[in-house]
Amino acid sequence: MTPETSTANGSAPPSVVRNLTDKPYVFPRNNLKTSMNDPTKEPLVIVACGSFSPVTYLHLRMFEMAHDYIVDQGRFEILGGYFSPVSDDYRKLGLVDWRHRVRMCDLAIKDSDWLMTDSWEPSSAKYQRTATVLDHFEAELNGQGGITLPDGTKKLIRIMFLAGGDLIQTVAIPGVWDTKDLHHIFGKFGCLIIERTGADVNDFLLASNVLWEHRKNVFVVKQSIHNDISSTKIRLFIRRGMSIKYLLPDLVIEYIKQHDLYKY
C-alpha cells in the first residue's frame, strides 16, 4: 500500500474495510455465562472501553488480572468480559477504522472462554461517552431482568468499568470528564482500576472528590508482574520497521501486516 491509498491515520481506505463488518448489529453473548455457580454472589460483567489501536497483551492481561482479583475477593461471580472500542468519531491520532479494531480484538480473544468484543460503540457514527456505553450494556444485560437463577427468579447483573491507572489520572484534569458522567460511572457501576507504573491510584482517590465519594465502588488491582506495553509505542515500532513480536498476539500481528496498518 502506498501513502496515496492509505488514510491519514495509517489505516486501509474505506473501500478495503467496508465489507469486514457489514452485518446487522447483534449484542454478543457467545461467551456470556447463562447460569451461576453460586447464586448467593453478585453476577458481574466487566467492560473495557478504549482505542485498542491495536489491542495488546497488556489489554488482555488487564482482564485476567481483574478476573483473578474478583475471584479472590469472593463477592462477585464473573459472567463475562467485553472489549468496547471507541468510535472513529473520537478522532484520536493513530485510530484506524473501527472495523479493523473490532476484528483485531476478536482475533486477540479467539481462544478466550469469557471475553467478547461488542461493536455497538465503535460502529456508532458519533462518539459515545463512557457513561452512555455502560448504560448500553445495562440495557442489553438487564433489560429482561438479568440472569435467571435455579429457582426461576432473576438477578440483576452488575456492570463494572475496567480501566488502567493512567486513565484514572485524567479524572482530575478539567474538561476531560463530565462530572455527572463520573458520578454515574463510579456511583452506579463502579470501576476496576489496574495500577500502572508511575500512577499511584490511592493518591488520586484521596485527591478526587468524585472518586472519594464513591470509593467503595472503586477496586484497585495491583500488578504482580508489571506490564507497560503501549499501543502508541507499537504503532511507532511498526512505522520504524521494528519487531512487535511477543508484544501482541500473533494473529493480530498477521492482521496488521495483511492490511498494512500503522505504516504511515
Protein backbone atom coordinates (compact mmCIF):
# COMPACT_ATOMS: atom_id res chain seq x y z
CA MET A 1 0.00 0.00 0.00
CA THR A 2 1.29 3.44 -0.90
CA PRO A 3 0.68 6.61 1.13
CA GLU A 4 -1.75 7.79 -1.53
CA THR A 5 -4.02 4.77 -0.95
CA SER A 6 -3.95 4.85 2.85
CA THR A 7 -5.92 7.14 5.13
CA ALA A 8 -4.22 9.83 7.18
CA ASN A 9 -4.02 7.66 10.29
CA GLY A 10 -2.38 4.70 8.57
CA SER A 11 -5.43 2.50 8.01
CA ALA A 12 -6.69 0.91 4.84
CA PRO A 13 -9.06 3.06 2.77
CA PRO A 14 -12.84 2.67 3.38
CA SER A 15 -13.26 0.54 0.24
CA VAL A 16 -10.98 -2.11 1.76
CA VAL A 17 -12.67 -2.28 5.17
CA ARG A 18 -16.29 -1.78 4.13
CA ASN A 19 -17.03 -5.49 3.87
CA LEU A 20 -15.31 -6.54 7.10
CA THR A 21 -18.24 -5.89 9.45
CA ASP A 22 -21.36 -5.05 7.47
CA LYS A 23 -23.63 -7.46 9.36
CA PRO A 24 -26.55 -6.00 11.38
CA TYR A 25 -25.61 -5.32 14.98
CA VAL A 26 -26.25 -8.15 17.45
CA PHE A 27 -25.14 -7.96 21.06
CA PRO A 28 -22.52 -10.72 21.55
CA ARG A 29 -23.36 -13.41 24.09
CA ASN A 30 -21.24 -16.31 22.81
CA ASN A 31 -19.01 -16.37 25.92
CA LEU A 32 -21.54 -14.98 28.39
CA LYS A 33 -22.45 -17.39 31.17
CA THR A 34 -26.18 -18.12 31.36
CA SER A 35 -26.17 -19.65 34.84
CA MET A 36 -24.36 -19.03 38.11
CA ASN A 37 -22.26 -21.48 40.09
CA ASP A 38 -23.11 -19.64 43.31
CA PRO A 39 -26.42 -17.72 43.19
CA THR A 40 -25.59 -16.01 46.52
CA LYS A 41 -22.90 -13.95 44.80
CA GLU A 42 -23.46 -10.84 42.70
CA PRO A 43 -23.27 -11.55 38.95
CA LEU A 44 -20.69 -9.35 37.24
CA VAL A 45 -19.77 -8.32 33.70
CA ILE A 46 -16.55 -6.35 33.11
CA VAL A 47 -16.34 -3.74 30.31
CA ALA A 48 -13.17 -2.08 28.98
CA CYS A 49 -13.52 0.99 26.76
CA GLY A 50 -10.61 2.36 24.77
CA SER A 51 -8.99 2.82 21.38
CA PHE A 52 -7.39 -0.65 21.14
CA SER A 53 -5.41 0.54 18.13
CA PRO A 54 -4.02 -2.04 18.27
CA VAL A 55 -5.08 -4.31 21.13
CA THR A 56 -2.01 -5.55 23.06
CA TYR A 57 -1.10 -8.16 25.63
CA LEU A 58 -1.48 -5.51 28.33
CA HIS A 59 -5.16 -5.07 27.44
CA LEU A 60 -5.66 -8.82 27.64
CA ARG A 61 -3.73 -9.07 30.91
CA MET A 62 -5.89 -6.31 32.43
CA PHE A 63 -8.92 -8.56 32.07
CA GLU A 64 -7.10 -11.56 33.51
CA MET A 65 -5.75 -9.57 36.48
CA ALA A 66 -9.24 -8.24 37.16
CA HIS A 67 -10.60 -11.78 36.93
CA ASP A 68 -8.09 -13.06 39.49
CA TYR A 69 -8.88 -10.16 41.80
CA ILE A 70 -12.64 -10.76 41.63
CA VAL A 71 -12.27 -14.50 42.27
CA ASP A 72 -10.02 -13.81 45.24
CA GLN A 73 -12.45 -11.28 46.75
CA GLY A 74 -15.32 -13.77 46.66
CA ARG A 75 -18.11 -11.18 46.40
CA PHE A 76 -18.88 -11.41 42.69
CA GLU A 77 -19.19 -14.14 40.08
CA ILE A 78 -17.94 -13.16 36.64
CA LEU A 79 -20.28 -13.92 33.77
CA GLY A 80 -18.16 -12.39 31.01
CA GLY A 81 -15.98 -9.53 29.86
CA TYR A 82 -16.23 -7.14 26.90
CA PHE A 83 -13.91 -5.01 24.80
CA SER A 84 -15.77 -1.91 23.60
CA PRO A 85 -13.54 0.00 21.15
CA VAL A 86 -14.19 3.70 20.73
CA SER A 87 -15.96 5.18 17.70
CA ASP A 88 -13.94 6.60 14.82
CA ASP A 89 -15.51 9.95 15.71
CA TYR A 90 -13.16 10.07 18.73
CA ARG A 91 -10.58 11.20 16.13
CA LYS A 92 -7.52 10.20 18.15
CA LEU A 93 -4.17 10.10 16.37
CA GLY A 94 -3.40 6.56 15.20
CA LEU A 95 -7.02 5.42 15.36
CA VAL A 96 -7.60 3.04 12.44
CA ASP A 97 -11.07 2.24 11.10
CA TRP A 98 -13.34 0.74 13.75
CA ARG A 99 -13.88 -2.45 11.72
CA HIS A 100 -10.15 -3.16 11.85
CA ARG A 101 -10.05 -2.57 15.60
CA VAL A 102 -13.05 -4.81 16.26
CA ARG A 103 -11.51 -7.54 14.13
CA MET A 104 -8.16 -7.29 15.92
CA CYS A 105 -9.90 -7.57 19.30
CA ASP A 106 -11.80 -10.62 18.05
CA LEU A 107 -8.56 -12.24 16.91
CA ALA A 108 -6.84 -11.44 20.22
CA ILE A 109 -9.55 -13.21 22.24
CA LYS A 110 -10.07 -16.07 19.82
CA ASP A 111 -9.12 -18.66 22.45
CA SER A 112 -10.80 -16.98 25.42
CA ASP A 113 -13.78 -18.65 27.05
CA TRP A 114 -15.12 -15.49 28.71
CA LEU A 115 -14.11 -12.42 26.67
CA MET A 116 -16.05 -10.85 23.80
CA THR A 117 -15.96 -7.74 21.59
CA ASP A 118 -19.03 -5.52 21.36
CA SER A 119 -19.31 -3.45 18.17
CA TRP A 120 -22.11 -1.11 19.28
CA GLU A 121 -19.84 1.73 20.43
CA PRO A 122 -17.27 1.57 17.59
CA SER A 123 -19.95 1.33 14.89
CA SER A 124 -21.69 4.47 16.15
CA ALA A 125 -21.36 7.43 13.82
CA LYS A 126 -20.86 9.74 16.79
CA TYR A 127 -18.53 9.44 19.77
CA GLN A 128 -20.26 7.74 22.70
CA ARG A 129 -19.35 8.78 26.24
CA THR A 130 -18.27 6.01 28.61
CA ALA A 131 -21.36 6.55 30.77
CA THR A 132 -23.57 6.04 27.72
CA VAL A 133 -21.68 2.89 26.75
CA LEU A 134 -22.16 1.40 30.21
CA ASP A 135 -25.87 2.26 30.01
CA HIS A 136 -25.95 0.32 26.72
CA PHE A 137 -24.55 -2.76 28.48
CA GLU A 138 -27.03 -2.26 31.32
CA ALA A 139 -29.92 -2.29 28.83
CA GLU A 140 -28.64 -5.34 26.96
CA LEU A 141 -27.86 -7.40 30.06
CA ASN A 142 -30.64 -6.34 32.42
CA GLY A 143 -33.41 -5.34 30.03
CA GLN A 144 -35.15 -8.64 30.71
CA GLY A 145 -34.35 -8.72 34.41
CA GLY A 146 -30.80 -10.07 34.37
CA ILE A 147 -29.66 -13.66 34.82
CA THR A 148 -32.10 -16.46 35.66
CA LEU A 149 -31.38 -18.31 38.89
CA PRO A 150 -32.09 -22.04 39.53
CA ASP A 151 -35.34 -21.20 41.36
CA GLY A 152 -36.64 -19.31 38.34
CA THR A 153 -36.14 -15.83 39.77
CA LYS A 154 -33.92 -13.26 38.11
CA LYS A 155 -30.98 -11.30 39.46
CA LEU A 156 -29.67 -8.04 38.02
CA ILE A 157 -26.16 -8.20 36.59
CA ARG A 158 -23.60 -5.70 37.84
CA ILE A 159 -21.67 -3.98 35.05
CA MET A 160 -18.25 -2.66 36.01
CA PHE A 161 -15.84 -0.43 34.12
CA LEU A 162 -12.27 -1.74 33.70
CA ALA A 163 -9.55 0.91 33.38
CA GLY A 164 -5.84 1.49 33.81
CA GLY A 165 -4.42 3.77 36.47
CA ASP A 166 -3.28 6.18 33.77
CA LEU A 167 -6.87 6.74 32.64
CA ILE A 168 -7.97 7.44 36.21
CA GLN A 169 -5.37 10.20 36.37
CA THR A 170 -7.40 12.09 33.75
CA VAL A 171 -10.33 12.37 36.19
CA ALA A 172 -8.53 15.31 37.81
CA ILE A 173 -7.96 17.14 34.51
CA PRO A 174 -10.59 19.88 33.99
CA GLY A 175 -12.78 19.41 30.94
CA VAL A 176 -11.80 15.80 30.22
CA TRP A 177 -14.78 14.22 32.01
CA ASP A 178 -18.28 15.49 32.69
CA THR A 179 -18.84 15.48 36.46
CA LYS A 180 -22.32 13.96 36.08
CA ASP A 181 -20.82 11.16 33.99
CA LEU A 182 -18.19 10.45 36.65
CA HIS A 183 -20.85 10.14 39.35
CA HIS A 184 -22.82 7.85 37.04
CA ILE A 185 -19.82 5.65 36.20
CA PHE A 186 -18.40 5.33 39.70
CA GLY A 187 -21.67 5.59 41.61
CA LYS A 188 -23.93 3.29 39.62
CA PHE A 189 -21.47 0.89 38.02
CA GLY A 190 -18.12 1.02 39.80
CA CYS A 191 -14.63 0.57 38.44
CA LEU A 192 -11.80 -1.94 38.49
CA ILE A 193 -8.55 0.01 38.24
CA ILE A 194 -5.35 -1.73 37.20
CA GLU A 195 -2.38 0.02 38.74
CA ARG A 196 0.13 1.24 36.17
CA THR A 197 3.77 2.15 36.70
CA GLY A 198 4.04 5.78 37.83
CA ALA A 199 0.33 6.10 38.68
CA ASP A 200 -0.48 5.97 42.40
CA VAL A 201 -4.22 5.26 42.37
CA ASN A 202 -4.59 5.79 46.12
CA ASP A 203 -3.29 9.34 45.77
CA PHE A 204 -5.95 10.05 43.16
CA LEU A 205 -8.65 8.51 45.34
CA LEU A 206 -7.72 10.98 48.07
CA ALA A 207 -7.41 13.95 45.71
CA SER A 208 -10.61 13.44 43.69
CA ASN A 209 -13.91 14.37 45.35
CA VAL A 210 -15.86 12.11 42.99
CA LEU A 211 -13.60 9.09 43.46
CA TRP A 212 -13.53 9.57 47.22
CA GLU A 213 -17.32 9.81 47.40
CA HIS A 214 -17.67 6.51 45.50
CA ARG A 215 -14.50 4.85 46.89
CA LYS A 216 -16.43 1.73 47.95
CA ASN A 217 -17.20 1.17 44.26
CA VAL A 218 -13.55 1.53 43.25
CA PHE A 219 -11.47 -1.66 43.29
CA VAL A 220 -7.71 -1.25 42.88
CA VAL A 221 -5.93 -4.22 41.29
CA LYS A 222 -2.18 -4.35 41.76
CA GLN A 223 0.10 -5.75 39.06
CA SER A 224 2.27 -8.61 40.32
CA ILE A 225 4.25 -8.51 37.08
CA HIS A 226 4.43 -5.00 35.68
CA ASN A 227 3.49 -4.66 32.03
CA ASP A 228 3.63 -1.27 30.31
CA ILE A 229 3.09 -2.23 26.67
CA SER A 230 1.69 0.80 24.89
CA SER A 231 -0.37 0.89 21.69
CA THR A 232 1.34 4.19 20.89
CA LYS A 233 4.77 2.55 21.03
CA ILE A 234 3.51 -0.41 18.99
CA ARG A 235 2.46 1.98 16.23
CA LEU A 236 5.85 3.71 16.37
CA PHE A 237 7.67 0.36 16.20
CA ILE A 238 5.70 -0.56 13.07
CA ARG A 239 6.39 2.82 11.48
CA ARG A 240 10.12 2.40 12.15
CA GLY A 241 10.19 -1.17 10.84
CA MET A 242 10.93 -2.64 14.28
CA SER A 243 9.74 -6.02 15.58
CA ILE A 244 6.48 -6.21 17.54
CA LYS A 245 6.79 -9.95 18.14
CA TYR A 246 5.71 -11.00 21.66
CA LEU A 247 4.09 -7.62 22.32
CA LEU A 248 0.69 -8.61 20.94
CA PRO A 249 -0.91 -11.86 19.75
CA ASP A 250 0.48 -13.38 16.55
CA LEU A 251 -2.96 -13.33 14.90
CA VAL A 252 -3.15 -9.57 15.47
CA ILE A 253 0.38 -9.09 14.10
CA GLU A 254 -0.53 -11.03 10.96
CA TYR A 255 -3.70 -8.98 10.54
CA ILE A 256 -1.74 -5.72 10.82
CA LYS A 257 0.69 -6.95 8.17
CA GLN A 258 -2.09 -8.19 5.90
CA HIS A 259 -3.83 -4.80 5.92
CA ASP A 260 -0.71 -2.59 6.04
CA LEU A 261 -1.87 -0.82 9.20
CA TYR A 262 0.06 1.88 11.07
CA LYS A 263 2.80 2.24 8.45
CA TYR A 264 2.07 5.85 7.56
